[in-house]
């Protein structure tokens, strides 16, 4: 079931990129459709939800894992809202990228803590 969650997230990321690819090939009206950003938000949310449920079910739930999943969801939602021209959506995308930096800086296991 974890593979399906990963597939949902990958498909959501492809939905984020699809309008730009369609725009490159000249399908301007199709690339302006709101189906792509909305489906990216939905599929990304489902994928992240599946991973969270699996972490709880397998008793491997950690703050680091939850933070990484929420970062992925924040970036997907921020990018999709920017494509929908929602005001101030760029700050959500900025928050996601800053959270990636924080996640990288924070040590993940007790061996790295001094």
Protein backbone atom coordinates (compact mmCIF):
# COMPACT_ATOMS: atom_id res chain seq x y z
CA UNK A 1 0.00 0.00 0.00
CA UNK A 2 3.01 2.27 0.46
CA UNK A 3 3.75 1.95 -3.23
CA UNK A 4 0.30 3.31 -4.06
CA UNK A 5 0.92 6.33 -1.82
CA UNK A 6 4.20 6.96 -3.58
CA UNK A 7 2.51 6.57 -6.97
CA UNK A 8 -0.15 9.12 -5.97
CA UNK A 9 2.56 11.62 -4.99
CA UNK A 10 4.50 11.04 -8.22
CA UNK A 11 1.34 11.45 -10.32
CA UNK A 12 0.56 14.66 -8.41
CA UNK A 13 3.99 15.99 -9.28
CA UNK A 14 3.46 15.05 -12.92
CA UNK A 15 0.15 16.92 -12.82
CA UNK A 16 2.03 19.97 -11.58
CA UNK A 17 4.41 19.82 -14.56
CA UNK A 18 1.84 18.76 -17.21
CA UNK A 19 0.53 22.30 -18.01
CA UNK A 20 4.05 23.51 -18.79
CA UNK A 21 4.68 20.55 -21.07
CA UNK A 22 1.36 21.09 -22.83
CA UNK A 23 2.14 24.78 -23.17
CA UNK A 24 5.46 23.89 -24.79
CA UNK A 25 3.69 21.79 -27.42
CA UNK A 26 1.14 24.52 -28.17
CA UNK A 27 -1.92 23.23 -26.32
CA UNK A 28 -2.52 26.59 -24.63
CA UNK A 29 -6.23 26.14 -23.85
CA UNK A 30 -5.67 22.70 -22.37
CA UNK A 31 -2.72 23.91 -20.31
CA UNK A 32 -4.85 26.64 -18.74
CA UNK A 33 -7.33 24.09 -17.35
CA UNK A 34 -7.85 24.02 -13.58
CA UNK A 35 -8.04 20.22 -13.65
CA UNK A 36 -4.27 19.84 -13.36
CA UNK A 37 -3.68 21.88 -10.16
CA UNK A 38 -6.81 20.56 -8.45
CA UNK A 39 -5.96 16.96 -9.25
CA UNK A 40 -2.40 17.54 -8.02
CA UNK A 41 -3.73 18.78 -4.68
CA UNK A 42 -6.13 15.84 -4.39
CA UNK A 43 -3.65 13.14 -5.43
CA UNK A 44 -0.87 14.60 -3.29
CA UNK A 45 -3.16 14.73 -0.27
CA UNK A 46 -4.26 11.13 -0.79
CA UNK A 47 -0.66 9.94 -1.20
CA UNK A 48 0.55 11.74 1.91
CA UNK A 49 -2.48 10.48 3.83
CA UNK A 50 -1.74 6.89 2.83
CA UNK A 51 1.85 7.23 4.02
CA UNK A 52 0.79 8.73 7.36
CA UNK A 53 -1.74 5.94 7.94
CA UNK A 54 0.90 3.33 7.09
CA UNK A 55 3.38 4.90 9.49
CA UNK A 56 0.83 4.76 12.29
CA UNK A 57 -0.23 1.22 11.38
CA UNK A 58 3.37 -0.09 11.22
CA UNK A 59 4.33 1.82 14.38
CA UNK A 60 7.14 3.63 12.55
CA UNK A 61 5.61 7.06 13.10
CA UNK A 62 8.33 9.66 13.73
CA UNK A 63 8.34 13.43 13.79
CA UNK A 64 10.94 13.49 11.02
CA UNK A 65 8.80 11.30 8.76
CA UNK A 66 5.71 13.39 9.46
CA UNK A 67 7.62 16.59 8.78
CA UNK A 68 8.90 15.28 5.45
CA UNK A 69 5.40 14.25 4.35
CA UNK A 70 3.97 17.62 5.35
CA UNK A 71 6.78 19.37 3.46
CA UNK A 72 5.89 17.41 0.33
CA UNK A 73 2.22 18.29 0.73
CA UNK A 74 3.00 21.97 1.37
CA UNK A 75 5.10 22.21 -1.79
CA UNK A 76 2.45 20.45 -3.90
CA UNK A 77 -0.35 22.65 -2.56
CA UNK A 78 1.71 25.85 -2.84
CA UNK A 79 2.75 25.14 -6.42
CA UNK A 80 -0.81 24.20 -7.40
CA UNK A 81 -2.30 27.30 -5.79
CA UNK A 82 0.24 29.43 -7.65
CA UNK A 83 -0.96 27.81 -10.89
CA UNK A 84 -4.52 28.73 -9.90
CA UNK A 85 -3.41 32.37 -9.36
CA UNK A 86 -4.35 32.41 -5.69
CA UNK A 87 -2.94 35.54 -4.06
CA UNK A 88 -0.01 34.97 -1.69
CA UNK A 89 0.32 31.29 -2.66
CA UNK A 90 4.00 31.93 -3.32
CA UNK A 91 4.48 32.25 0.44
CA UNK A 92 3.15 28.73 0.95
CA UNK A 93 5.65 27.46 -1.59
CA UNK A 94 8.38 29.48 0.14
CA UNK A 95 7.37 27.96 3.49
CA UNK A 96 7.68 24.48 1.99
CA UNK A 97 11.17 25.15 0.70
CA UNK A 98 12.25 26.65 4.02
CA UNK A 99 10.88 23.59 5.80
CA UNK A 100 13.06 21.42 3.54
CA UNK A 101 16.10 23.37 4.72
CA UNK A 102 15.05 22.98 8.36
CA UNK A 103 14.42 19.24 7.86
CA UNK A 104 17.92 18.83 6.41
CA UNK A 105 19.56 20.77 9.25
CA UNK A 106 17.82 18.95 12.12
CA UNK A 107 19.59 15.68 12.99
CA UNK A 108 17.48 12.60 12.27
CA UNK A 109 18.79 10.14 14.87
CA UNK A 110 20.33 10.20 18.31
CA UNK A 111 23.87 9.42 17.05
CA UNK A 112 24.08 12.79 15.31
CA UNK A 113 23.10 14.75 18.42
CA UNK A 114 26.03 16.04 20.47
